[in-house]
């Protein structure tokens, strides 16, 4: 099992939206490294930390799980979509996405400000200068630490992990 941070701006798609929808395709990703994570490394059952970026309080807002293998991102073929890519084709799609399912919204966001103060999280990729990836891996140790700080469902999730 792998562990991930998925970043989204809450005014675009928030943990509340995921809770309402129960599942969503993580579409619109137009970065090759993030695409490769979905294509090559993300598997059904992987655990996801949902991160609100570009927010009043940026930070980890909830928990999800990867619910599908990578598939063609249909927004790449939709000329009305802001994620349209005229060079992508259905036979060999350039852009992929996975489905993410809701697990839990945390009672309190683990803020970026707080994350920066926690020695156990000092190596998180999201803390690296210049990092703008919407999908980043986290270690199992980092994931478990964050769950212990945030989650009411931690016992169930830790047992499954």
Protein backbone atom coordinates (compact mmCIF):
# COMPACT_ATOMS: atom_id res chain seq x y z
CA UNK A 1 0.00 0.00 0.00
CA UNK A 2 1.10 3.53 -0.80
CA UNK A 3 0.24 6.82 0.86
CA UNK A 4 -0.37 10.15 -0.85
CA UNK A 5 -1.17 13.81 -0.40
CA UNK A 6 -3.62 15.14 -2.99
CA UNK A 7 -3.86 18.92 -3.15
CA UNK A 8 -6.89 20.87 -4.28
CA UNK A 9 -8.04 24.43 -3.87
CA UNK A 10 -11.16 24.27 -1.71
CA UNK A 11 -13.05 26.73 -3.92
CA UNK A 12 -12.46 24.32 -6.84
CA UNK A 13 -13.01 20.99 -5.04
CA UNK A 14 -12.90 20.59 -1.27
CA UNK A 15 -13.07 17.77 1.24
CA UNK A 16 -16.72 18.79 1.72
CA UNK A 17 -17.31 18.23 -2.00
CA UNK A 18 -15.72 14.80 -1.77
CA UNK A 19 -17.85 13.97 1.26
CA UNK A 20 -20.99 15.04 -0.63
CA UNK A 21 -20.02 13.10 -3.78
CA UNK A 22 -18.54 10.09 -1.92
CA UNK A 23 -16.21 9.53 -4.93
CA UNK A 24 -14.64 11.65 -7.63
CA UNK A 25 -12.26 11.28 -10.53
CA UNK A 26 -9.03 13.14 -9.77
CA UNK A 27 -9.07 14.69 -13.23
CA UNK A 28 -7.49 17.78 -14.71
CA UNK A 29 -3.95 16.97 -13.57
CA UNK A 30 -1.57 18.36 -16.19
CA UNK A 31 1.82 17.62 -14.71
CA UNK A 32 3.77 14.61 -15.99
CA UNK A 33 5.24 13.62 -12.65
CA UNK A 34 1.81 13.68 -10.95
CA UNK A 35 0.35 11.79 -13.94
CA UNK A 36 3.08 9.18 -13.60
CA UNK A 37 2.26 8.70 -9.90
CA UNK A 38 -1.34 7.91 -10.88
CA UNK A 39 -0.31 5.71 -13.81
CA UNK A 40 2.57 3.80 -12.25
CA UNK A 41 2.22 3.84 -8.48
CA UNK A 42 -1.33 4.51 -7.26
CA UNK A 43 -3.31 1.35 -6.54
CA UNK A 44 -6.81 0.67 -5.29
CA UNK A 45 -6.79 0.90 -1.50
CA UNK A 46 -3.91 3.37 -1.25
CA UNK A 47 -4.59 5.98 1.43
CA UNK A 48 -4.93 9.67 0.55
CA UNK A 49 -4.53 12.77 2.68
CA UNK A 50 -6.71 15.53 1.21
CA UNK A 51 -4.88 18.86 1.34
CA UNK A 52 -6.51 22.27 0.87
CA UNK A 53 -4.09 24.54 -1.00
CA UNK A 54 -4.38 28.23 -1.73
CA UNK A 55 -6.84 28.52 1.16
CA UNK A 56 -7.29 30.83 4.12
CA UNK A 57 -5.79 28.00 6.20
CA UNK A 58 -3.87 25.67 3.88
CA UNK A 59 -3.42 22.18 5.25
CA UNK A 60 -4.58 18.58 5.50
CA UNK A 61 -8.37 18.54 5.76
CA UNK A 62 -9.32 14.89 5.48
CA UNK A 63 -8.79 11.34 4.43
CA UNK A 64 -9.66 9.37 1.31
CA UNK A 65 -8.72 6.24 -0.51
CA UNK A 66 -7.82 5.41 -4.11
CA UNK A 67 -10.87 3.65 -5.54
CA UNK A 68 -9.79 2.84 -9.11
CA UNK A 69 -6.76 2.15 -11.22
CA UNK A 70 -5.59 4.90 -13.56
CA UNK A 71 -7.86 5.57 -16.53
CA UNK A 72 -8.02 8.09 -19.35
CA UNK A 73 -8.85 11.58 -18.12
CA UNK A 74 -11.90 12.44 -20.21
CA UNK A 75 -11.46 16.18 -19.60
CA UNK A 76 -8.51 16.06 -22.00
CA UNK A 77 -10.91 15.22 -24.86
CA UNK A 78 -13.57 17.82 -24.01
CA UNK A 79 -12.95 21.00 -25.98
CA UNK A 80 -15.12 22.94 -23.50
CA UNK A 81 -13.03 21.84 -20.52
CA UNK A 82 -10.23 24.05 -19.15
CA UNK A 83 -8.18 20.81 -19.12
CA UNK A 84 -8.66 20.09 -22.83
CA UNK A 85 -5.53 18.90 -24.63
CA UNK A 86 -5.87 18.79 -28.41
CA UNK A 87 -2.74 16.61 -28.66
CA UNK A 88 -4.12 13.82 -26.45
CA UNK A 89 -5.89 10.93 -28.15
CA UNK A 90 -8.23 8.22 -26.91
CA UNK A 91 -6.09 5.34 -28.23
CA UNK A 92 -3.05 6.46 -26.29
CA UNK A 93 -4.19 9.09 -23.78
CA UNK A 94 -1.58 11.48 -22.48
CA UNK A 95 -3.51 12.32 -19.30
CA UNK A 96 -4.84 9.89 -16.72
CA UNK A 97 -6.79 10.05 -13.49
CA UNK A 98 -7.80 7.80 -10.60
CA UNK A 99 -11.02 7.75 -8.64
CA UNK A 100 -10.78 8.90 -5.03
CA UNK A 101 -13.33 7.91 -2.36
CA UNK A 102 -14.19 9.85 0.78
CA UNK A 103 -13.21 8.38 4.17
CA UNK A 104 -13.25 11.24 6.67
CA UNK A 105 -13.22 15.00 7.08
CA UNK A 106 -10.95 15.97 9.96
CA UNK A 107 -12.50 18.04 12.75
CA UNK A 108 -9.56 20.44 12.43
CA UNK A 109 -7.25 21.10 9.52
CA UNK A 110 -3.62 20.22 10.16
CA UNK A 111 -2.34 23.55 8.92
CA UNK A 112 0.74 24.05 6.81
CA UNK A 113 1.98 26.37 9.54
CA UNK A 114 1.67 23.55 12.12
CA UNK A 115 3.15 20.95 9.74
CA UNK A 116 6.27 23.10 9.40
CA UNK A 117 6.79 22.92 13.18
CA UNK A 118 6.55 19.12 13.45
CA UNK A 119 9.92 17.39 13.26
CA UNK A 120 8.22 14.10 12.24
CA UNK A 121 6.99 15.81 9.04
CA UNK A 122 10.09 17.81 8.12
CA UNK A 123 10.72 15.68 5.00
CA UNK A 124 7.27 16.04 3.44
CA UNK A 125 7.60 16.88 -0.24
CA UNK A 126 4.97 19.62 0.11
CA UNK A 127 7.45 21.51 2.32
CA UNK A 128 10.18 21.61 -0.33
CA UNK A 129 10.81 25.02 -1.81
CA UNK A 130 9.26 25.31 -5.26
CA UNK A 131 7.13 22.17 -4.98
CA UNK A 132 3.83 22.66 -6.77
CA UNK A 133 2.81 19.06 -7.42
CA UNK A 134 -0.86 18.26 -6.79
CA UNK A 135 0.01 14.64 -5.95
CA UNK A 136 2.94 13.68 -3.72
CA UNK A 137 3.85 10.46 -1.96
CA UNK A 138 4.23 10.33 1.83
CA UNK A 139 5.87 7.60 3.84
CA UNK A 140 3.81 5.24 5.94
CA UNK A 141 5.43 6.71 9.05
CA UNK A 142 4.42 10.27 8.03
CA UNK A 143 0.91 9.10 7.15
CA UNK A 144 0.42 7.34 10.47
CA UNK A 145 1.73 10.36 12.38
CA UNK A 146 -0.73 12.66 10.60
CA UNK A 147 -3.58 10.23 11.32
CA UNK A 148 -2.69 10.16 14.99
CA UNK A 149 -2.81 13.96 15.00
CA UNK A 150 -6.06 14.34 13.05
CA UNK A 151 -8.27 11.35 12.50
CA UNK A 152 -11.23 10.04 14.48
CA UNK A 153 -11.17 6.98 12.21
CA UNK A 154 -7.50 6.28 12.88
CA UNK A 155 -7.93 2.92 14.56
CA UNK A 156 -9.88 1.47 11.63
CA UNK A 157 -7.58 3.00 9.04
CA UNK A 158 -4.40 1.97 10.84
CA UNK A 159 -5.65 -1.59 11.15
CA UNK A 160 -6.40 -1.72 7.41
CA UNK A 161 -3.05 -0.14 6.55
